[in-house]
Amino acid sequence: MTRTRVDHRTRESGNVRAAFLVAPPDPGGSAFPADAAATFVSVEAQMLRCPSTVVASANDPYATVTSAGALAAAWGSDFRVAGALGHLNAASGIGEWSQGRRLLEGVLTSAVSTGII
């Protein structure tokens, strides 16, 4: 889901109860593929209307920990650094990514225990 869709869906829809956002890129970064990810370029991040967690990698070529943390703060999200795993996606070779599954399960458990979902 692109940054544009995250902002829009959490503000305009009552259906989003929680968000788990992985590897948000930094559109101002030198490695950012502006032509391939144009929807990220001009979006101003604002507080989300649902609980959320952002997960970043310590060595993501598309975003520094600082830029991912700033985006998490702007969204009002919890922030987690998963370690030095490169860009967190299917092409990175992380396979099933058990750490990510545990983080997601924690978000879901919290949402259920607080009655969000």
N, C-alpha and C. Protein backbone atom coordinates (compact mmCIF):
# COMPACT_ATOMS: atom_id res chain seq x y z
N MET A 1 0.85 -1.16 0.00
CA MET A 1 0.00 0.00 0.00
C MET A 1 0.90 1.23 0.00
N THR A 2 0.58 2.17 -0.85
CA THR A 2 1.42 3.37 -0.92
C THR A 2 1.10 4.31 0.22
N ARG A 3 2.01 5.23 0.44
CA ARG A 3 1.84 6.23 1.49
C ARG A 3 0.57 7.02 1.27
N THR A 4 0.25 7.34 0.02
CA THR A 4 -0.97 8.07 -0.30
C THR A 4 -2.19 7.29 0.18
N ARG A 5 -2.23 6.01 -0.11
CA ARG A 5 -3.37 5.18 0.28
C ARG A 5 -3.47 5.04 1.79
N VAL A 6 -2.34 4.92 2.47
CA VAL A 6 -2.36 4.81 3.93
C VAL A 6 -2.99 6.05 4.52
N ASP A 7 -2.52 7.21 4.12
CA ASP A 7 -3.07 8.46 4.64
C ASP A 7 -4.56 8.56 4.35
N HIS A 8 -4.96 8.30 3.12
CA HIS A 8 -6.35 8.43 2.70
C HIS A 8 -7.26 7.42 3.40
N ARG A 9 -6.89 6.16 3.38
CA ARG A 9 -7.75 5.12 3.94
C ARG A 9 -7.96 5.25 5.44
N THR A 10 -6.94 5.65 6.15
CA THR A 10 -7.12 5.75 7.61
C THR A 10 -7.91 6.99 7.99
N ARG A 11 -7.96 7.99 7.14
CA ARG A 11 -8.73 9.18 7.44
C ARG A 11 -10.17 9.08 6.95
N GLU A 12 -10.37 8.50 5.78
CA GLU A 12 -11.67 8.52 5.13
C GLU A 12 -12.53 7.30 5.40
N SER A 13 -11.95 6.24 5.89
CA SER A 13 -12.70 5.01 6.07
C SER A 13 -12.77 4.62 7.53
N GLY A 14 -13.93 4.22 7.97
CA GLY A 14 -14.07 3.70 9.31
C GLY A 14 -13.69 2.23 9.39
N ASN A 15 -13.28 1.64 8.28
CA ASN A 15 -12.97 0.22 8.23
C ASN A 15 -11.56 -0.12 8.68
N VAL A 16 -10.65 0.83 8.68
CA VAL A 16 -9.27 0.55 9.07
C VAL A 16 -9.19 0.63 10.59
N ARG A 17 -8.81 -0.48 11.21
CA ARG A 17 -8.75 -0.56 12.68
C ARG A 17 -7.33 -0.48 13.21
N ALA A 18 -6.36 -0.89 12.42
CA ALA A 18 -4.95 -0.85 12.80
C ALA A 18 -4.13 -0.94 11.52
N ALA A 19 -2.88 -0.48 11.58
CA ALA A 19 -2.01 -0.53 10.40
C ALA A 19 -0.63 -1.05 10.79
N PHE A 20 -0.10 -1.91 9.94
CA PHE A 20 1.25 -2.46 10.10
C PHE A 20 2.00 -2.09 8.83
N LEU A 21 2.89 -1.12 8.93
CA LEU A 21 3.54 -0.52 7.77
C LEU A 21 5.02 -0.86 7.77
N VAL A 22 5.48 -1.46 6.70
CA VAL A 22 6.85 -1.98 6.64
C VAL A 22 7.64 -1.26 5.54
N ALA A 23 8.83 -0.80 5.90
CA ALA A 23 9.81 -0.21 4.97
C ALA A 23 9.29 0.99 4.19
N PRO A 24 8.79 2.01 4.90
CA PRO A 24 8.37 3.20 4.16
C PRO A 24 9.60 3.91 3.58
N PRO A 25 9.58 4.22 2.30
CA PRO A 25 10.74 4.87 1.70
C PRO A 25 10.80 6.37 2.01
N ASP A 26 11.96 6.93 1.83
CA ASP A 26 12.18 8.36 2.01
C ASP A 26 12.24 9.02 0.64
N PRO A 27 11.18 9.74 0.25
CA PRO A 27 11.18 10.34 -1.09
C PRO A 27 12.28 11.37 -1.30
N GLY A 28 12.88 11.87 -0.22
CA GLY A 28 13.97 12.83 -0.34
C GLY A 28 15.34 12.18 -0.38
N GLY A 29 15.38 10.86 -0.23
CA GLY A 29 16.65 10.14 -0.19
C GLY A 29 17.29 10.01 -1.57
N SER A 30 18.61 9.89 -1.60
CA SER A 30 19.33 9.83 -2.87
C SER A 30 19.05 8.56 -3.67
N ALA A 31 18.66 7.47 -3.01
CA ALA A 31 18.39 6.22 -3.72
C ALA A 31 16.91 6.05 -4.06
N PHE A 32 16.08 7.01 -3.69
CA PHE A 32 14.65 6.87 -3.92
C PHE A 32 14.33 6.83 -5.42
N PRO A 33 13.60 5.80 -5.86
CA PRO A 33 13.26 5.67 -7.30
C PRO A 33 12.02 6.51 -7.64
N ALA A 34 12.19 7.80 -7.79
CA ALA A 34 11.07 8.72 -7.98
C ALA A 34 10.18 8.35 -9.16
N ASP A 35 10.75 7.87 -10.24
CA ASP A 35 9.94 7.51 -11.40
C ASP A 35 9.06 6.29 -11.12
N ALA A 36 9.58 5.35 -10.36
CA ALA A 36 8.85 4.11 -10.09
C ALA A 36 7.87 4.25 -8.92
N ALA A 37 8.04 5.25 -8.09
CA ALA A 37 7.20 5.40 -6.89
C ALA A 37 6.71 6.83 -6.74
N ALA A 38 6.15 7.35 -7.79
CA ALA A 38 5.75 8.75 -7.82
C ALA A 38 4.71 9.11 -6.77
N THR A 39 3.88 8.17 -6.33
CA THR A 39 2.84 8.49 -5.35
C THR A 39 3.40 8.83 -3.97
N PHE A 40 4.67 8.53 -3.72
CA PHE A 40 5.28 8.85 -2.44
C PHE A 40 5.89 10.24 -2.39
N VAL A 41 6.08 10.87 -3.53
CA VAL A 41 6.88 12.08 -3.61
C VAL A 41 6.25 13.28 -2.92
N SER A 42 4.98 13.54 -3.14
CA SER A 42 4.41 14.81 -2.66
C SER A 42 3.37 14.64 -1.54
N VAL A 43 3.42 13.56 -0.84
CA VAL A 43 2.44 13.33 0.23
C VAL A 43 2.98 13.87 1.55
N GLU A 44 2.15 14.64 2.22
CA GLU A 44 2.51 15.13 3.55
C GLU A 44 1.91 14.17 4.58
N ALA A 45 2.76 13.54 5.36
CA ALA A 45 2.29 12.58 6.36
C ALA A 45 1.59 13.31 7.48
N GLN A 46 0.44 12.76 7.89
CA GLN A 46 -0.34 13.32 8.98
C GLN A 46 -0.73 12.20 9.94
N MET A 47 -1.13 12.57 11.14
CA MET A 47 -1.53 11.61 12.16
C MET A 47 -2.60 10.66 11.61
N LEU A 48 -2.38 9.36 11.80
CA LEU A 48 -3.36 8.38 11.37
C LEU A 48 -4.46 8.27 12.42
N ARG A 49 -5.62 7.82 12.00
CA ARG A 49 -6.76 7.70 12.91
C ARG A 49 -6.89 6.32 13.52
N CYS A 50 -5.87 5.52 13.39
CA CYS A 50 -5.90 4.18 13.95
C CYS A 50 -4.53 3.88 14.54
N PRO A 51 -4.46 2.92 15.48
CA PRO A 51 -3.15 2.52 15.99
C PRO A 51 -2.33 1.93 14.85
N SER A 52 -1.05 2.21 14.88
CA SER A 52 -0.20 1.73 13.79
C SER A 52 1.21 1.48 14.28
N THR A 53 1.89 0.62 13.54
CA THR A 53 3.30 0.31 13.80
C THR A 53 4.05 0.40 12.48
N VAL A 54 5.18 1.07 12.51
CA VAL A 54 6.08 1.16 11.35
C VAL A 54 7.32 0.34 11.66
N VAL A 55 7.71 -0.50 10.72
CA VAL A 55 8.91 -1.33 10.86
C VAL A 55 9.90 -0.92 9.78
N ALA A 56 11.15 -0.69 10.19
CA ALA A 56 12.20 -0.29 9.25
C ALA A 56 13.41 -1.18 9.43
N SER A 57 14.26 -1.17 8.42
CA SER A 57 15.54 -1.87 8.47
C SER A 57 16.65 -0.86 8.75
N ALA A 58 17.65 -1.28 9.47
CA ALA A 58 18.77 -0.40 9.80
C ALA A 58 19.61 -0.01 8.58
N ASN A 59 19.51 -0.79 7.51
CA ASN A 59 20.32 -0.48 6.33
C ASN A 59 19.49 -0.49 5.04
N ASP A 60 18.29 0.00 5.11
CA ASP A 60 17.42 0.09 3.93
C ASP A 60 18.00 1.13 2.98
N PRO A 61 18.26 0.77 1.72
CA PRO A 61 18.81 1.76 0.79
C PRO A 61 17.83 2.88 0.43
N TYR A 62 16.55 2.66 0.69
CA TYR A 62 15.54 3.64 0.32
C TYR A 62 15.10 4.53 1.48
N ALA A 63 15.58 4.27 2.69
CA ALA A 63 15.20 5.10 3.83
C ALA A 63 16.15 4.87 4.99
N THR A 64 16.58 5.94 5.60
CA THR A 64 17.39 5.81 6.81
C THR A 64 16.46 5.51 7.99
N VAL A 65 17.04 5.04 9.08
CA VAL A 65 16.26 4.83 10.30
C VAL A 65 15.67 6.17 10.75
N THR A 66 16.43 7.22 10.60
CA THR A 66 15.94 8.55 10.99
C THR A 66 14.72 8.97 10.18
N SER A 67 14.76 8.79 8.86
CA SER A 67 13.61 9.20 8.04
C SER A 67 12.39 8.32 8.30
N ALA A 68 12.60 7.01 8.48
CA ALA A 68 11.48 6.12 8.79
C ALA A 68 10.89 6.45 10.16
N GLY A 69 11.76 6.77 11.11
CA GLY A 69 11.29 7.16 12.43
C GLY A 69 10.51 8.47 12.40
N ALA A 70 10.95 9.39 11.57
CA ALA A 70 10.23 10.66 11.44
C ALA A 70 8.84 10.44 10.84
N LEU A 71 8.76 9.56 9.86
CA LEU A 71 7.46 9.24 9.26
C LEU A 71 6.57 8.57 10.30
N ALA A 72 7.12 7.63 11.06
CA ALA A 72 6.35 6.98 12.12
C ALA A 72 5.83 8.01 13.12
N ALA A 73 6.67 8.95 13.50
CA ALA A 73 6.25 9.99 14.45
C ALA A 73 5.13 10.85 13.86
N ALA A 74 5.26 11.22 12.59
CA ALA A 74 4.23 12.03 11.93
C ALA A 74 2.91 11.28 11.86
N TRP A 75 2.98 9.97 11.66
CA TRP A 75 1.77 9.15 11.61
C TRP A 75 1.24 8.82 13.00
N GLY A 76 2.04 9.06 14.05
CA GLY A 76 1.65 8.69 15.41
C GLY A 76 1.79 7.19 15.64
N SER A 77 2.72 6.59 14.93
CA SER A 77 2.90 5.13 14.95
C SER A 77 3.97 4.71 15.94
N ASP A 78 3.83 3.49 16.47
CA ASP A 78 4.95 2.86 17.17
C ASP A 78 6.02 2.62 16.13
N PHE A 79 7.27 2.59 16.55
CA PHE A 79 8.36 2.42 15.60
C PHE A 79 9.28 1.30 16.04
N ARG A 80 9.59 0.40 15.13
CA ARG A 80 10.48 -0.72 15.39
C ARG A 80 11.54 -0.80 14.30
N VAL A 81 12.78 -1.09 14.71
CA VAL A 81 13.87 -1.33 13.76
C VAL A 81 14.14 -2.82 13.79
N ALA A 82 14.03 -3.45 12.64
CA ALA A 82 14.13 -4.91 12.54
C ALA A 82 15.57 -5.42 12.44
N GLY A 83 16.53 -4.52 12.41
CA GLY A 83 17.92 -4.93 12.23
C GLY A 83 18.38 -4.57 10.83
N ALA A 84 19.55 -5.01 10.46
CA ALA A 84 20.13 -4.71 9.15
C ALA A 84 19.70 -5.77 8.14
N LEU A 85 18.55 -5.54 7.51
CA LEU A 85 17.97 -6.52 6.59
C LEU A 85 17.81 -5.99 5.17
N GLY A 86 18.35 -4.81 4.88
CA GLY A 86 18.14 -4.22 3.56
C GLY A 86 16.72 -3.70 3.46
N HIS A 87 16.23 -3.54 2.23
CA HIS A 87 14.84 -3.10 2.05
C HIS A 87 13.93 -4.29 2.31
N LEU A 88 13.00 -4.13 3.21
CA LEU A 88 12.13 -5.23 3.64
C LEU A 88 11.02 -5.47 2.61
N ASN A 89 11.30 -6.41 1.71
CA ASN A 89 10.31 -6.80 0.72
C ASN A 89 10.62 -8.21 0.24
N ALA A 90 9.80 -8.74 -0.63
CA ALA A 90 9.98 -10.11 -1.10
C ALA A 90 11.32 -10.30 -1.82
N ALA A 91 11.78 -9.27 -2.50
CA ALA A 91 13.03 -9.38 -3.27
C ALA A 91 14.27 -9.39 -2.38
N SER A 92 14.13 -9.04 -1.10
CA SER A 92 15.30 -8.95 -0.23
C SER A 92 15.82 -10.30 0.23
N GLY A 93 15.03 -11.36 0.03
CA GLY A 93 15.48 -12.69 0.41
C GLY A 93 15.27 -13.01 1.88
N ILE A 94 14.40 -12.28 2.58
CA ILE A 94 14.19 -12.57 4.00
C ILE A 94 13.23 -13.75 4.21
N GLY A 95 12.67 -14.26 3.14
CA GLY A 95 11.82 -15.44 3.24
C GLY A 95 10.55 -15.17 4.03
N GLU A 96 10.21 -16.10 4.91
CA GLU A 96 8.99 -15.98 5.70
C GLU A 96 9.05 -14.85 6.72
N TRP A 97 10.21 -14.38 7.09
CA TRP A 97 10.46 -13.27 8.00
C TRP A 97 9.69 -13.44 9.30
N SER A 98 10.14 -14.40 10.08
CA SER A 98 9.47 -14.73 11.34
C SER A 98 9.44 -13.55 12.31
N GLN A 99 10.46 -12.71 12.29
CA GLN A 99 10.46 -11.53 13.16
C GLN A 99 9.29 -10.61 12.79
N GLY A 100 9.06 -10.42 11.51
CA GLY A 100 7.94 -9.59 11.06
C GLY A 100 6.61 -10.19 11.46
N ARG A 101 6.51 -11.51 11.36
CA ARG A 101 5.27 -12.18 11.77
C ARG A 101 5.01 -11.96 13.26
N ARG A 102 6.07 -12.05 14.08
CA ARG A 102 5.91 -11.81 15.52
C ARG A 102 5.50 -10.36 15.81
N LEU A 103 6.09 -9.42 15.08
CA LEU A 103 5.70 -8.02 15.26
C LEU A 103 4.24 -7.81 14.89
N LEU A 104 3.81 -8.40 13.78
CA LEU A 104 2.43 -8.28 13.34
C LEU A 104 1.49 -8.93 14.37
N GLU A 105 1.86 -10.09 14.86
CA GLU A 105 1.03 -10.76 15.87
C GLU A 105 0.90 -9.89 17.13
N GLY A 106 1.98 -9.19 17.50
CA GLY A 106 1.92 -8.29 18.64
C GLY A 106 0.94 -7.14 18.41
N VAL A 107 0.96 -6.59 17.20
CA VAL A 107 0.02 -5.51 16.85
C VAL A 107 -1.41 -6.04 16.93
N LEU A 108 -1.65 -7.21 16.37
CA LEU A 108 -3.00 -7.79 16.39
C LEU A 108 -3.46 -8.11 17.81
N THR A 109 -2.56 -8.67 18.61
CA THR A 109 -2.90 -8.99 20.00
C THR A 109 -3.27 -7.73 20.76
N SER A 110 -2.51 -6.68 20.58
CA SER A 110 -2.80 -5.40 21.23
C SER A 110 -4.14 -4.85 20.78
N ALA A 111 -4.41 -4.93 19.48
CA ALA A 111 -5.67 -4.40 18.94
C ALA A 111 -6.86 -5.17 19.49
N VAL A 112 -6.72 -6.48 19.60
CA VAL A 112 -7.80 -7.31 20.15
C VAL A 112 -8.00 -7.02 21.64
N SER A 113 -6.90 -6.94 22.38
CA SER A 113 -7.01 -6.76 23.84
C SER A 113 -7.58 -5.39 24.21
N THR A 114 -7.42 -4.41 23.33
CA THR A 114 -7.97 -3.09 23.61
C THR A 114 -9.34 -2.88 22.97
N GLY A 115 -9.85 -3.91 22.29
CA GLY A 115 -11.18 -3.84 21.70
C GLY A 115 -11.23 -3.12 20.37
N ILE A 116 -10.08 -2.84 19.77
CA ILE A 116 -10.06 -2.16 18.48
C ILE A 116 -10.61 -3.06 17.37
N ILE A 117 -10.22 -4.34 17.46
CA ILE A 117 -10.75 -5.30 16.48
C ILE A 117 -11.29 -6.50 17.22
